[in-house]
Amino acid sequence: MTSEQRRSSCMAAQKINEAHEHIAKAEKCLKTSLTKWKPDFDSAASEYAKAAVCFKNAKQYEQAKDAYLKEAEYHTENKTLFHAAKAIEQAGMMMKEQKKMPEAIQYIEKACMMYMENGTPDTAAMALDRAGKLIEPLNLEKAVDLYQKAAGVFENEDRLRQAVELLGKASRLLVRLKRLDEAATALQKEKNMYKEIENFPMCFKKTTAQVLVHLHRGDYVAADKCVRESYSLPGYSGSEDCVAMETLLQGFDEQDEDQVYRVCNSPLLKYMDNDYAKLAISLKVPGGGGKKKKAAAAPQGGSSGAPAAAEDEDDEYEGGLC
């Protein structure tokens, strides 16, 4: 063992001893006598909070979690629900340190319910957002649920800017999960919110995302309707987004694969959020077999290699999200 490791081990042992001292003080606060009729829940909660921090610093995360739960218990007894919720959220973070994500999320969701009961919905929504970020790498479905719940809380508080940001996270994950019907509904809700807060450029982007989702769903009529409805948005008609979607829909309607390919591989679509960019790149005209018009019109064994190269590039995305 190196000197650094010995020093770290000694510090951890010291912190664990301190934690047990705080627990002993907490238990003393809870005792009653002839002159002390009621337990001192506030002081007991404070001592357990100090014990939890000591355990956490010593990397004893399971013991830290237990101490935070004890802190929450005595805050609840003392009718200080906000502090109880904070302690339960911290217990969740100790489970996260142990890579026990489902348990971590359970504690954080419980804390969020307590925040709501305490009349602090903003804190609840932010905690749900944090929980979504924690679970997203492991469970996309649960992350969608948490982001949507957080958005709902912000929406109820008329904090639409925060709500729409969280809805956007949920929409992107729904696309990644190929739950395109739900993604279409979520995108419409996003667009309505952006319209309400008068962020029209974002409405344009959401229209583009809607068109891509609807075309992947095989619903050309819905895609066309999204563009037509957006003509009422200030500045949309004639905008880069509008022209691109009109060109895409025209190419789709006429089964002009070359036109569809050009739009879907334009910088406007390729540099969207990654999940939507993948939708664009993998979009195919129904019944086209993945070949563009120009390639189909070329003479057999044609002298130019360019169409064949383009066809190969298409094949890279065969079997995409469609």
Protein backbone atom coordinates (compact mmCIF):
# COMPACT_ATOMS: atom_id res chain seq x y z
CA MET A 1 0.00 0.00 0.00
CA THR A 2 1.39 3.40 -0.98
CA SER A 3 1.60 6.32 1.42
CA GLU A 4 -1.23 8.04 -0.48
CA GLN A 5 -3.45 4.98 -0.12
CA ARG A 6 -2.65 4.76 3.61
CA ARG A 7 -3.52 8.41 4.06
CA SER A 8 -6.81 7.94 2.18
CA SER A 9 -7.65 4.86 4.25
CA CYS A 10 -6.97 6.73 7.51
CA MET A 11 -9.14 9.65 6.42
CA ALA A 12 -11.99 7.26 5.50
CA ALA A 13 -11.74 5.55 8.92
CA GLN A 14 -11.80 8.95 10.61
CA LYS A 15 -14.91 9.99 8.68
CA ILE A 16 -16.66 6.73 9.56
CA ASN A 17 -15.91 7.30 13.25
CA GLU A 18 -17.28 10.84 12.97
CA ALA A 19 -20.42 9.48 11.34
CA HIS A 20 -21.03 7.08 14.22
CA GLU A 21 -20.52 9.92 16.69
CA HIS A 22 -23.22 11.93 14.93
CA ILE A 23 -25.55 8.91 14.99
CA ALA A 24 -24.98 8.55 18.74
CA LYS A 25 -25.88 12.22 19.20
CA ALA A 26 -28.99 11.75 17.07
CA GLU A 27 -30.15 8.83 19.18
CA LYS A 28 -29.59 10.92 22.32
CA CYS A 29 -31.79 13.67 20.82
CA LEU A 30 -34.61 11.15 20.42
CA LYS A 31 -34.63 10.01 24.04
CA THR A 32 -37.25 11.35 26.42
CA SER A 33 -37.15 11.79 30.20
CA LEU A 34 -39.12 13.29 33.07
CA THR A 35 -37.87 16.73 32.03
CA LYS A 36 -37.91 16.13 28.26
CA TRP A 37 -41.27 14.85 27.14
CA LYS A 38 -40.84 15.05 23.35
CA PRO A 39 -38.05 13.79 21.10
CA ASP A 40 -35.99 16.51 19.42
CA PHE A 41 -36.65 15.46 15.83
CA ASP A 42 -35.05 18.56 14.32
CA SER A 43 -31.70 17.97 16.04
CA ALA A 44 -31.83 14.25 15.29
CA ALA A 45 -32.38 14.97 11.58
CA SER A 46 -29.46 17.41 11.62
CA GLU A 47 -27.13 14.84 13.19
CA TYR A 48 -28.15 12.14 10.69
CA ALA A 49 -27.50 14.61 7.87
CA LYS A 50 -23.96 15.16 9.19
CA ALA A 51 -23.49 11.39 9.54
CA ALA A 52 -24.61 10.89 5.93
CA VAL A 53 -22.05 13.40 4.66
CA CYS A 54 -19.30 11.67 6.63
CA PHE A 55 -20.26 8.28 5.21
CA LYS A 56 -20.40 9.76 1.71
CA ASN A 57 -16.92 11.27 2.08
CA ALA A 58 -15.67 7.86 3.18
CA LYS A 59 -17.34 6.33 0.09
CA GLN A 60 -19.61 4.20 2.29
CA TYR A 61 -22.59 4.87 0.09
CA GLU A 62 -24.97 2.25 1.49
CA GLN A 63 -24.52 3.60 5.03
CA ALA A 64 -24.84 7.15 3.70
CA LYS A 65 -28.14 6.18 2.07
CA ASP A 66 -29.44 4.75 5.35
CA ALA A 67 -28.43 7.92 7.19
CA TYR A 68 -30.20 10.13 4.64
CA LEU A 69 -33.35 8.03 5.02
CA LYS A 70 -33.17 8.44 8.79
CA GLU A 71 -32.78 12.18 8.29
CA ALA A 72 -35.87 12.15 6.05
CA GLU A 73 -37.82 10.16 8.64
CA TYR A 74 -37.19 12.72 11.39
CA HIS A 75 -37.80 15.70 9.12
CA THR A 76 -41.17 14.10 8.31
CA GLU A 77 -41.90 13.69 12.02
CA ASN A 78 -41.01 17.36 12.43
CA LYS A 79 -43.38 18.34 9.56
CA THR A 80 -40.52 19.77 7.47
CA LEU A 81 -41.41 17.95 4.24
CA PHE A 82 -39.16 19.94 1.93
CA HIS A 83 -36.06 18.92 3.89
CA ALA A 84 -37.35 15.34 4.08
CA ALA A 85 -37.69 15.30 0.28
CA LYS A 86 -34.16 16.66 -0.13
CA ALA A 87 -32.81 13.88 2.10
CA ILE A 88 -34.67 11.21 0.12
CA GLU A 89 -33.32 12.65 -3.13
CA GLN A 90 -29.81 12.42 -1.66
CA ALA A 91 -30.50 8.79 -0.74
CA GLY A 92 -31.25 8.25 -4.41
CA MET A 93 -27.93 9.78 -5.36
CA MET A 94 -26.17 7.33 -3.02
CA MET A 95 -27.83 4.49 -4.93
CA LYS A 96 -26.59 6.08 -8.14
CA GLU A 97 -23.04 5.98 -6.76
CA GLN A 98 -23.52 2.22 -6.31
CA LYS A 99 -24.75 1.90 -9.92
CA LYS A 100 -28.21 0.89 -8.67
CA MET A 101 -30.13 3.12 -11.05
CA PRO A 102 -33.68 1.70 -10.72
CA GLU A 103 -33.53 2.14 -6.93
CA ALA A 104 -32.03 5.61 -7.36
CA ILE A 105 -34.91 6.67 -9.62
CA GLN A 106 -37.48 5.29 -7.17
CA TYR A 107 -36.11 7.47 -4.37
CA ILE A 108 -35.94 10.55 -6.60
CA GLU A 109 -39.54 10.03 -7.78
CA LYS A 110 -40.66 9.69 -4.17
CA ALA A 111 -38.85 12.93 -3.34
CA CYS A 112 -40.61 14.64 -6.25
CA MET A 113 -44.02 13.64 -4.90
CA MET A 114 -43.05 15.16 -1.56
CA TYR A 115 -41.87 18.37 -3.25
CA MET A 116 -45.28 18.61 -4.92
CA GLU A 117 -47.07 18.03 -1.60
CA ASN A 118 -44.90 20.72 -0.06
CA GLY A 119 -45.90 23.23 -2.74
CA THR A 120 -42.53 23.39 -4.52
CA PRO A 121 -43.34 22.01 -8.00
CA ASP A 122 -40.35 23.69 -9.68
CA THR A 123 -37.98 21.71 -7.46
CA ALA A 124 -39.94 18.55 -8.30
CA ALA A 125 -39.64 19.19 -12.04
CA MET A 126 -35.90 19.85 -11.85
CA ALA A 127 -35.41 16.64 -9.86
CA LEU A 128 -37.39 14.68 -12.47
CA ASP A 129 -35.18 16.18 -15.19
CA ARG A 130 -32.06 15.10 -13.29
CA ALA A 131 -33.51 11.62 -12.88
CA GLY A 132 -34.20 11.46 -16.61
CA LYS A 133 -30.57 12.30 -17.39
CA LEU A 134 -29.39 9.61 -14.96
CA ILE A 135 -31.52 6.83 -16.41
CA GLU A 136 -31.34 7.82 -20.11
CA PRO A 137 -28.17 5.81 -20.89
CA LEU A 138 -29.80 2.68 -19.42
CA ASN A 139 -33.53 2.94 -20.03
CA LEU A 140 -34.88 5.26 -22.74
CA GLU A 141 -38.52 4.42 -21.98
CA LYS A 142 -38.17 5.48 -18.34
CA ALA A 143 -36.31 8.63 -19.37
CA VAL A 144 -39.20 9.59 -21.70
CA ASP A 145 -41.64 9.11 -18.82
CA LEU A 146 -39.58 11.27 -16.45
CA TYR A 147 -39.05 14.08 -19.01
CA GLN A 148 -42.77 14.13 -19.82
CA LYS A 149 -43.69 14.26 -16.13
CA ALA A 150 -41.25 17.13 -15.58
CA ALA A 151 -42.65 18.98 -18.60
CA GLY A 152 -46.18 18.50 -17.25
CA VAL A 153 -45.22 20.01 -13.90
CA PHE A 154 -43.64 23.07 -15.57
CA GLU A 155 -46.62 23.42 -17.91
CA ASN A 156 -49.02 23.45 -14.95
CA GLU A 157 -46.96 26.30 -13.51
CA ASP A 158 -47.13 28.20 -16.83
CA ARG A 159 -43.38 27.88 -17.27
CA LEU A 160 -43.64 26.97 -20.92
CA ARG A 161 -40.02 27.60 -21.87
CA GLN A 162 -38.85 24.99 -19.38
CA ALA A 163 -41.71 22.65 -20.29
CA VAL A 164 -41.03 22.75 -24.04
CA GLU A 165 -37.32 22.05 -23.54
CA LEU A 166 -38.18 18.86 -21.64
CA LEU A 167 -40.81 17.87 -24.20
CA GLY A 168 -38.11 18.19 -26.84
CA LYS A 169 -35.95 15.68 -24.98
CA ALA A 170 -38.88 13.26 -24.81
CA SER A 171 -39.70 13.71 -28.51
CA ARG A 172 -36.15 12.90 -29.59
CA LEU A 173 -36.08 9.77 -27.45
CA LEU A 174 -39.45 8.65 -28.85
CA VAL A 175 -37.95 8.90 -32.34
CA ARG A 176 -34.94 6.89 -31.19
CA LEU A 177 -37.30 4.26 -29.79
CA LYS A 178 -39.20 4.25 -33.15
CA ARG A 179 -42.41 5.15 -31.32
CA LEU A 180 -43.23 7.50 -34.17
CA ASP A 181 -46.97 7.93 -33.53
CA GLU A 182 -46.18 9.23 -30.04
CA ALA A 183 -43.31 11.32 -31.40
CA ALA A 184 -45.69 13.00 -33.86
CA THR A 185 -48.09 13.90 -31.04
CA ALA A 186 -45.25 15.19 -28.84
CA LEU A 187 -43.85 17.33 -31.67
CA GLN A 188 -47.26 18.91 -32.27
CA LYS A 189 -47.44 19.81 -28.59
CA GLU A 190 -43.93 21.25 -28.75
CA LYS A 191 -44.83 23.36 -31.78
CA ASN A 192 -47.97 24.67 -30.09
CA MET A 193 -45.93 25.73 -27.05
CA TYR A 194 -43.29 27.47 -29.17
CA LYS A 195 -46.10 29.26 -30.97
CA GLU A 196 -47.59 30.35 -27.64
CA ILE A 197 -44.28 31.85 -26.49
CA GLU A 198 -43.80 33.31 -30.00
CA ASN A 199 -40.57 31.49 -30.79
CA PHE A 200 -41.44 31.09 -34.46
CA PRO A 201 -38.03 29.93 -35.76
CA MET A 202 -38.34 26.90 -33.46
CA CYS A 203 -41.84 26.31 -34.83
CA PHE A 204 -40.23 26.08 -38.29
CA LYS A 205 -37.76 23.46 -37.03
CA LYS A 206 -40.53 21.46 -35.39
CA THR A 207 -42.50 21.50 -38.64
CA THR A 208 -39.50 19.98 -40.40
CA ALA A 209 -39.21 17.32 -37.70
CA GLN A 210 -42.94 16.60 -37.99
CA VAL A 211 -42.70 16.12 -41.76
CA LEU A 212 -39.84 13.64 -41.36
CA VAL A 213 -41.69 11.69 -38.68
CA HIS A 214 -44.94 11.56 -40.67
CA LEU A 215 -43.19 10.45 -43.85
CA HIS A 216 -41.49 7.65 -41.91
CA ARG A 217 -44.94 6.74 -40.59
CA GLY A 218 -46.09 6.49 -44.20
CA ASP A 219 -48.56 9.35 -43.75
CA TYR A 220 -47.94 11.84 -46.58
CA VAL A 221 -51.26 13.61 -45.94
CA ALA A 222 -50.30 14.40 -42.32
CA ALA A 223 -46.86 15.63 -43.42
CA ASP A 224 -48.42 17.93 -46.04
CA LYS A 225 -50.96 19.19 -43.49
CA CYS A 226 -48.16 20.20 -41.08
CA VAL A 227 -46.57 22.39 -43.76
CA ARG A 228 -49.90 23.94 -44.81
CA GLU A 229 -50.80 24.76 -41.20
CA SER A 230 -47.39 26.40 -40.73
CA TYR A 231 -48.08 28.93 -43.51
CA SER A 232 -49.96 30.91 -40.85
CA LEU A 233 -46.74 31.29 -38.80
CA PRO A 234 -45.08 34.70 -39.27
CA GLY A 235 -42.13 34.36 -41.63
CA TYR A 236 -42.62 30.69 -42.50
CA SER A 237 -43.83 31.04 -46.08
CA GLY A 238 -40.78 31.39 -48.32
CA SER A 239 -38.33 30.58 -45.52
CA GLU A 240 -35.50 28.07 -46.02
CA ASP A 241 -37.36 25.53 -43.89
CA CYS A 242 -40.58 26.02 -45.86
CA VAL A 243 -38.92 25.74 -49.29
CA ALA A 244 -37.06 22.60 -48.20
CA MET A 245 -40.25 20.90 -46.98
CA GLU A 246 -42.22 21.89 -50.09
CA THR A 247 -39.43 20.48 -52.25
CA LEU A 248 -39.27 17.29 -50.18
CA LEU A 249 -43.01 16.73 -50.35
CA GLN A 250 -43.06 17.43 -54.08
CA GLY A 251 -40.28 14.91 -54.61
CA PHE A 252 -42.10 12.38 -52.47
CA ASP A 253 -45.38 12.93 -54.34
CA GLU A 254 -43.71 12.61 -57.73
CA GLN A 255 -41.48 9.72 -56.56
CA ASP A 256 -38.45 11.76 -57.57
CA GLU A 257 -35.80 10.02 -55.51
CA ASP A 258 -33.03 12.35 -56.59
CA GLN A 259 -34.96 15.39 -55.34
CA VAL A 260 -35.77 13.68 -52.03
CA TYR A 261 -32.12 12.66 -51.64
CA ARG A 262 -30.88 16.23 -52.25
CA VAL A 263 -33.21 17.72 -49.62
CA CYS A 264 -32.54 15.01 -47.04
CA ASN A 265 -28.79 15.39 -47.40
CA SER A 266 -28.82 19.19 -47.37
CA PRO A 267 -27.09 20.96 -44.45
CA LEU A 268 -30.49 22.15 -43.17
CA LEU A 269 -31.53 18.58 -42.38
CA LYS A 270 -28.18 16.91 -41.81
CA TYR A 271 -27.35 19.33 -38.98
CA MET A 272 -30.62 18.93 -37.10
CA ASP A 273 -30.61 17.10 -33.77
CA ASN A 274 -29.03 13.72 -34.42
CA ASP A 275 -32.23 11.68 -34.10
CA TYR A 276 -34.01 13.80 -36.73
CA ALA A 277 -30.94 13.90 -38.99
CA LYS A 278 -30.99 10.09 -39.02
CA LEU A 279 -34.64 10.19 -40.06
CA ALA A 280 -33.73 12.47 -42.95
CA ILE A 281 -30.78 10.40 -44.16
CA SER A 282 -32.72 7.13 -44.00
CA LEU A 283 -35.86 8.44 -45.74
CA LYS A 284 -36.85 6.51 -48.86
CA VAL A 285 -39.54 7.09 -51.46
CA PRO A 286 -42.08 4.23 -51.21
CA GLY A 287 -41.64 1.63 -53.94
CA GLY A 288 -38.43 3.21 -55.15
CA GLY A 289 -36.14 0.37 -54.16
CA GLY A 290 -33.55 2.86 -52.96
CA LYS A 291 -32.59 4.02 -56.49
CA LYS A 292 -32.68 7.61 -57.60
CA LYS A 293 -34.31 8.71 -60.84
CA LYS A 294 -31.02 9.69 -62.45
CA ALA A 295 -29.48 6.33 -61.68
CA ALA A 296 -32.53 4.55 -63.12
CA ALA A 297 -32.37 6.63 -66.33
CA ALA A 298 -28.68 5.95 -66.95
CA PRO A 299 -27.78 3.51 -69.76
CA GLN A 300 -27.06 -0.05 -68.66
CA GLY A 301 -23.40 -0.37 -67.76
CA GLY A 302 -23.27 3.43 -68.20
CA SER A 303 -19.97 5.18 -68.57
CA SER A 304 -20.46 7.49 -65.59
CA GLY A 305 -19.63 6.05 -62.15
CA ALA A 306 -21.29 8.88 -60.20
CA PRO A 307 -24.84 7.50 -60.08
CA ALA A 308 -23.59 4.11 -58.91
CA ALA A 309 -21.59 5.77 -56.15
CA ALA A 310 -24.64 7.71 -55.04
CA GLU A 311 -26.66 4.49 -55.03
CA ASP A 312 -24.04 2.86 -52.80
CA GLU A 313 -24.30 5.79 -50.42
CA ASP A 314 -28.06 5.24 -50.22
CA ASP A 315 -27.56 1.56 -49.45
CA GLU A 316 -25.58 2.49 -46.34
CA TYR A 317 -28.81 3.65 -44.75
CA GLU A 318 -31.05 0.83 -45.96
CA GLY A 319 -33.30 -0.52 -43.20
CA GLY A 320 -33.19 2.76 -41.29
CA LEU A 321 -35.99 4.01 -39.08
CA CYS A 322 -38.68 3.56 -41.76
